[in-house]
Amino acid sequence: LTKNVPMFVCTMAYPTVPCPLHVFEPRYRLMIRRSMETGTKQFGMCISDSQNGFADYGCMLQIRNVHFLPDGRSVVDTVGGKRFRVLRRGMKDGYCTADIEYLEDAKVS
């Protein structure tokens, strides 16, 4: 998953660290539903940036569980995966998307 990755612009996320989310905005409700329906069960998380919309670096989040509430909101249990760098920004149905490349850690001998 490196092209047109859905982006949740909110907070910092880190690899292996749980990131529970309360999703109430219609654009992100749609994004979460699509992530579940397509089977990828993941999306990118970046902090906001006033010049570019969102930061140049972020972390993929893997959806572990979603609890849909009767009014359309949801509580989403996610955990951080790989870190990435944004190559190109886009938009789809109100939420941000990006083409990304994953970051590799320098190996220590």
N, C-alpha and C. Protein backbone atom coordinates (compact mmCIF):
# COMPACT_ATOMS: atom_id res chain seq x y z
N LEU A 1 0.85 -1.19 0.00
CA LEU A 1 0.00 0.00 0.00
C LEU A 1 0.89 1.24 0.00
N THR A 2 1.12 1.81 -1.20
CA THR A 2 1.97 3.00 -1.30
C THR A 2 1.34 4.10 -2.17
N LYS A 3 0.27 3.78 -2.88
CA LYS A 3 -0.39 4.76 -3.75
C LYS A 3 -1.78 5.10 -3.22
N ASN A 4 -2.12 6.39 -3.23
CA ASN A 4 -3.43 6.86 -2.77
C ASN A 4 -3.80 6.32 -1.39
N VAL A 5 -2.84 6.36 -0.49
CA VAL A 5 -3.06 5.89 0.88
C VAL A 5 -3.94 6.90 1.61
N PRO A 6 -5.03 6.46 2.24
CA PRO A 6 -5.86 7.39 3.02
C PRO A 6 -5.05 7.95 4.19
N MET A 7 -5.21 9.25 4.45
CA MET A 7 -4.48 9.90 5.53
C MET A 7 -5.44 10.45 6.58
N PHE A 8 -5.21 10.09 7.81
CA PHE A 8 -5.95 10.63 8.95
C PHE A 8 -5.05 11.72 9.53
N VAL A 9 -5.46 12.97 9.39
CA VAL A 9 -4.66 14.10 9.86
C VAL A 9 -5.13 14.44 11.27
N CYS A 10 -4.31 14.07 12.26
CA CYS A 10 -4.75 14.22 13.63
C CYS A 10 -3.59 14.36 14.61
N THR A 11 -2.91 13.28 14.90
CA THR A 11 -1.91 13.26 15.97
C THR A 11 -0.70 12.45 15.54
N MET A 12 0.28 12.34 16.43
CA MET A 12 1.46 11.52 16.16
C MET A 12 1.13 10.06 16.43
N ALA A 13 1.68 9.18 15.61
CA ALA A 13 1.56 7.75 15.84
C ALA A 13 2.96 7.15 15.70
N TYR A 14 3.19 6.05 16.41
CA TYR A 14 4.51 5.43 16.43
C TYR A 14 4.39 3.93 16.21
N PRO A 15 5.41 3.33 15.57
CA PRO A 15 5.37 1.88 15.35
C PRO A 15 5.19 1.12 16.67
N THR A 16 4.37 0.10 16.64
CA THR A 16 4.05 -0.82 17.75
C THR A 16 3.21 -0.20 18.87
N VAL A 17 2.93 1.10 18.82
CA VAL A 17 2.20 1.77 19.91
C VAL A 17 0.70 1.82 19.57
N PRO A 18 -0.17 1.35 20.48
CA PRO A 18 -1.61 1.44 20.24
C PRO A 18 -2.06 2.89 20.09
N CYS A 19 -3.03 3.12 19.21
CA CYS A 19 -3.55 4.47 18.96
C CYS A 19 -5.08 4.39 18.84
N PRO A 20 -5.80 4.45 19.98
CA PRO A 20 -7.27 4.40 19.91
C PRO A 20 -7.82 5.71 19.35
N LEU A 21 -8.84 5.61 18.49
CA LEU A 21 -9.40 6.79 17.84
C LEU A 21 -10.92 6.83 18.02
N HIS A 22 -11.43 8.04 18.23
CA HIS A 22 -12.88 8.27 18.25
C HIS A 22 -13.18 9.01 16.95
N VAL A 23 -13.84 8.35 16.02
CA VAL A 23 -14.07 8.90 14.69
C VAL A 23 -15.51 9.40 14.58
N PHE A 24 -15.63 10.71 14.33
CA PHE A 24 -16.97 11.31 14.25
C PHE A 24 -17.17 12.17 13.02
N GLU A 25 -16.09 12.65 12.39
CA GLU A 25 -16.24 13.47 11.19
C GLU A 25 -16.67 12.59 10.02
N PRO A 26 -17.67 13.04 9.23
CA PRO A 26 -18.15 12.22 8.11
C PRO A 26 -17.05 11.76 7.16
N ARG A 27 -16.07 12.61 6.86
CA ARG A 27 -15.02 12.23 5.92
C ARG A 27 -14.18 11.07 6.45
N TYR A 28 -13.89 11.08 7.76
CA TYR A 28 -13.10 10.01 8.34
C TYR A 28 -13.94 8.75 8.60
N ARG A 29 -15.23 8.93 8.83
CA ARG A 29 -16.11 7.77 8.95
C ARG A 29 -16.11 6.99 7.63
N LEU A 30 -16.18 7.72 6.51
CA LEU A 30 -16.12 7.13 5.18
C LEU A 30 -14.78 6.44 4.96
N MET A 31 -13.70 7.10 5.35
CA MET A 31 -12.35 6.56 5.17
C MET A 31 -12.19 5.24 5.93
N ILE A 32 -12.64 5.19 7.17
CA ILE A 32 -12.53 3.97 7.98
C ILE A 32 -13.37 2.86 7.37
N ARG A 33 -14.59 3.19 6.96
CA ARG A 33 -15.47 2.18 6.36
C ARG A 33 -14.82 1.60 5.10
N ARG A 34 -14.24 2.46 4.25
CA ARG A 34 -13.58 1.97 3.04
C ARG A 34 -12.36 1.11 3.35
N SER A 35 -11.60 1.50 4.37
CA SER A 35 -10.42 0.71 4.76
C SER A 35 -10.83 -0.69 5.20
N MET A 36 -11.95 -0.79 5.87
CA MET A 36 -12.45 -2.09 6.32
C MET A 36 -13.00 -2.90 5.13
N GLU A 37 -13.78 -2.25 4.27
CA GLU A 37 -14.43 -2.95 3.15
C GLU A 37 -13.44 -3.44 2.11
N THR A 38 -12.37 -2.67 1.86
CA THR A 38 -11.38 -3.08 0.86
C THR A 38 -10.45 -4.16 1.40
N GLY A 39 -10.43 -4.32 2.71
CA GLY A 39 -9.60 -5.36 3.32
C GLY A 39 -8.19 -4.92 3.67
N THR A 40 -7.80 -3.68 3.33
CA THR A 40 -6.45 -3.24 3.68
C THR A 40 -6.33 -3.05 5.19
N LYS A 41 -7.39 -2.59 5.81
CA LYS A 41 -7.44 -2.34 7.26
C LYS A 41 -6.28 -1.47 7.74
N GLN A 42 -5.86 -0.52 6.91
CA GLN A 42 -4.81 0.39 7.33
C GLN A 42 -4.93 1.73 6.64
N PHE A 43 -4.33 2.73 7.26
CA PHE A 43 -4.29 4.09 6.74
C PHE A 43 -3.13 4.80 7.38
N GLY A 44 -2.75 5.95 6.82
CA GLY A 44 -1.64 6.72 7.37
C GLY A 44 -2.12 7.73 8.40
N MET A 45 -1.27 8.03 9.35
CA MET A 45 -1.55 9.06 10.36
C MET A 45 -0.44 10.09 10.30
N CYS A 46 -0.83 11.36 10.14
CA CYS A 46 0.12 12.47 10.12
C CYS A 46 -0.43 13.61 10.98
N ILE A 47 0.47 14.42 11.49
CA ILE A 47 0.02 15.62 12.17
C ILE A 47 -0.24 16.71 11.14
N SER A 48 -1.01 17.70 11.54
CA SER A 48 -1.37 18.80 10.66
C SER A 48 -0.16 19.69 10.37
N ASP A 49 -0.15 20.28 9.19
CA ASP A 49 0.88 21.23 8.79
C ASP A 49 0.18 22.37 8.06
N SER A 50 0.36 23.59 8.54
CA SER A 50 -0.38 24.73 7.99
C SER A 50 -0.04 25.03 6.53
N GLN A 51 1.17 24.70 6.08
CA GLN A 51 1.55 24.97 4.69
C GLN A 51 1.12 23.87 3.72
N ASN A 52 1.30 22.60 4.12
CA ASN A 52 1.04 21.48 3.21
C ASN A 52 -0.23 20.69 3.53
N GLY A 53 -0.92 21.03 4.60
CA GLY A 53 -2.10 20.27 5.00
C GLY A 53 -1.77 19.21 6.03
N PHE A 54 -0.70 18.44 5.77
CA PHE A 54 -0.22 17.47 6.75
C PHE A 54 1.27 17.27 6.57
N ALA A 55 1.91 16.72 7.60
CA ALA A 55 3.37 16.60 7.67
C ALA A 55 3.94 15.71 6.57
N ASP A 56 5.23 15.86 6.33
CA ASP A 56 5.93 15.08 5.31
C ASP A 56 6.22 13.64 5.75
N TYR A 57 6.12 13.38 7.06
CA TYR A 57 6.39 12.05 7.60
C TYR A 57 5.24 11.61 8.48
N GLY A 58 5.01 10.30 8.52
CA GLY A 58 3.93 9.77 9.35
C GLY A 58 4.13 8.30 9.62
N CYS A 59 3.08 7.68 10.14
CA CYS A 59 3.13 6.27 10.51
C CYS A 59 1.84 5.59 10.04
N MET A 60 1.97 4.40 9.47
CA MET A 60 0.80 3.62 9.08
C MET A 60 0.14 3.09 10.35
N LEU A 61 -1.18 3.06 10.34
CA LEU A 61 -1.93 2.46 11.44
C LEU A 61 -2.68 1.24 10.91
N GLN A 62 -2.60 0.16 11.65
CA GLN A 62 -3.31 -1.08 11.33
C GLN A 62 -4.54 -1.16 12.21
N ILE A 63 -5.71 -1.31 11.58
CA ILE A 63 -6.97 -1.42 12.33
C ILE A 63 -7.07 -2.81 12.93
N ARG A 64 -7.19 -2.88 14.27
CA ARG A 64 -7.36 -4.17 14.94
C ARG A 64 -8.84 -4.47 15.17
N ASN A 65 -9.62 -3.43 15.47
CA ASN A 65 -11.03 -3.62 15.75
C ASN A 65 -11.77 -2.29 15.58
N VAL A 66 -13.01 -2.35 15.13
CA VAL A 66 -13.85 -1.15 15.01
C VAL A 66 -15.18 -1.44 15.69
N HIS A 67 -15.59 -0.51 16.54
CA HIS A 67 -16.91 -0.60 17.18
C HIS A 67 -17.75 0.54 16.63
N PHE A 68 -18.73 0.21 15.79
CA PHE A 68 -19.60 1.22 15.20
C PHE A 68 -20.74 1.54 16.16
N LEU A 69 -20.93 2.82 16.46
CA LEU A 69 -22.00 3.27 17.34
C LEU A 69 -23.26 3.54 16.53
N PRO A 70 -24.44 3.48 17.17
CA PRO A 70 -25.71 3.67 16.44
C PRO A 70 -25.83 4.99 15.68
N ASP A 71 -25.17 6.04 16.16
CA ASP A 71 -25.29 7.35 15.50
C ASP A 71 -24.27 7.56 14.38
N GLY A 72 -23.49 6.52 14.03
CA GLY A 72 -22.54 6.62 12.93
C GLY A 72 -21.11 6.82 13.36
N ARG A 73 -20.91 7.25 14.60
CA ARG A 73 -19.53 7.40 15.09
C ARG A 73 -18.93 6.01 15.28
N SER A 74 -17.62 5.98 15.47
CA SER A 74 -16.98 4.69 15.75
C SER A 74 -15.78 4.87 16.66
N VAL A 75 -15.49 3.82 17.39
CA VAL A 75 -14.29 3.74 18.21
C VAL A 75 -13.39 2.73 17.51
N VAL A 76 -12.22 3.20 17.10
CA VAL A 76 -11.32 2.38 16.28
C VAL A 76 -10.05 2.06 17.06
N ASP A 77 -9.77 0.77 17.21
CA ASP A 77 -8.57 0.31 17.89
C ASP A 77 -7.51 0.07 16.83
N THR A 78 -6.45 0.88 16.85
CA THR A 78 -5.37 0.73 15.87
C THR A 78 -4.03 0.60 16.58
N VAL A 79 -3.05 0.12 15.84
CA VAL A 79 -1.69 0.05 16.35
C VAL A 79 -0.75 0.52 15.23
N GLY A 80 0.29 1.22 15.63
CA GLY A 80 1.25 1.77 14.66
C GLY A 80 2.04 0.69 13.94
N GLY A 81 2.26 0.92 12.65
CA GLY A 81 3.05 0.00 11.82
C GLY A 81 4.30 0.69 11.31
N LYS A 82 4.48 0.68 10.00
CA LYS A 82 5.69 1.25 9.40
C LYS A 82 5.63 2.77 9.32
N ARG A 83 6.80 3.39 9.42
CA ARG A 83 6.91 4.84 9.21
C ARG A 83 7.06 5.11 7.72
N PHE A 84 6.65 6.30 7.29
CA PHE A 84 6.72 6.62 5.86
C PHE A 84 7.02 8.09 5.63
N ARG A 85 7.41 8.38 4.38
CA ARG A 85 7.61 9.74 3.90
C ARG A 85 6.61 9.99 2.79
N VAL A 86 6.00 11.17 2.81
CA VAL A 86 5.01 11.54 1.79
C VAL A 86 5.73 12.00 0.52
N LEU A 87 5.35 11.41 -0.60
CA LEU A 87 5.92 11.80 -1.90
C LEU A 87 4.99 12.74 -2.66
N ARG A 88 3.68 12.49 -2.56
CA ARG A 88 2.69 13.29 -3.29
C ARG A 88 1.40 13.32 -2.50
N ARG A 89 0.78 14.50 -2.44
CA ARG A 89 -0.48 14.67 -1.70
C ARG A 89 -1.67 14.69 -2.65
N GLY A 90 -2.81 14.21 -2.14
CA GLY A 90 -4.03 14.23 -2.92
C GLY A 90 -5.24 14.37 -2.02
N MET A 91 -6.42 14.23 -2.63
CA MET A 91 -7.68 14.34 -1.88
C MET A 91 -8.68 13.38 -2.52
N LYS A 92 -9.49 12.75 -1.67
CA LYS A 92 -10.54 11.86 -2.18
C LYS A 92 -11.76 11.99 -1.26
N ASP A 93 -12.86 12.45 -1.82
CA ASP A 93 -14.13 12.55 -1.09
C ASP A 93 -14.00 13.26 0.26
N GLY A 94 -13.16 14.28 0.33
CA GLY A 94 -13.06 15.09 1.55
C GLY A 94 -11.90 14.75 2.46
N TYR A 95 -11.32 13.56 2.32
CA TYR A 95 -10.17 13.24 3.17
C TYR A 95 -8.89 13.22 2.32
N CYS A 96 -7.77 13.43 2.99
CA CYS A 96 -6.48 13.49 2.32
C CYS A 96 -5.99 12.10 1.95
N THR A 97 -5.22 12.04 0.88
CA THR A 97 -4.54 10.82 0.45
C THR A 97 -3.10 11.18 0.14
N ALA A 98 -2.25 10.17 0.01
CA ALA A 98 -0.85 10.43 -0.33
C ALA A 98 -0.23 9.21 -0.99
N ASP A 99 0.73 9.48 -1.85
CA ASP A 99 1.63 8.45 -2.33
C ASP A 99 2.82 8.49 -1.38
N ILE A 100 3.24 7.34 -0.90
CA ILE A 100 4.27 7.31 0.15
C ILE A 100 5.39 6.34 -0.20
N GLU A 101 6.48 6.46 0.54
CA GLU A 101 7.54 5.45 0.53
C GLU A 101 7.86 5.13 1.98
N TYR A 102 8.05 3.85 2.26
CA TYR A 102 8.33 3.42 3.63
C TYR A 102 9.78 3.73 3.97
N LEU A 103 10.03 4.02 5.24
CA LEU A 103 11.37 4.33 5.72
C LEU A 103 12.03 3.07 6.27
N GLU A 104 13.29 2.93 5.99
CA GLU A 104 14.06 1.81 6.49
C GLU A 104 15.05 2.31 7.52
N ASP A 105 15.17 1.60 8.63
CA ASP A 105 16.14 1.97 9.65
C ASP A 105 17.53 1.52 9.20
N ALA A 106 18.54 2.32 9.57
CA ALA A 106 19.92 1.92 9.29
C ALA A 106 20.27 0.76 10.18
N LYS A 107 20.81 -0.31 9.60
CA LYS A 107 21.17 -1.48 10.37
C LYS A 107 22.43 -1.22 11.20
N VAL A 108 22.40 -1.63 12.45
CA VAL A 108 23.55 -1.48 13.33
C VAL A 108 24.26 -2.81 13.41
N SER A 109 25.57 -2.77 13.18
CA SER A 109 26.31 -4.04 13.20
C SER A 109 26.74 -4.43 14.61
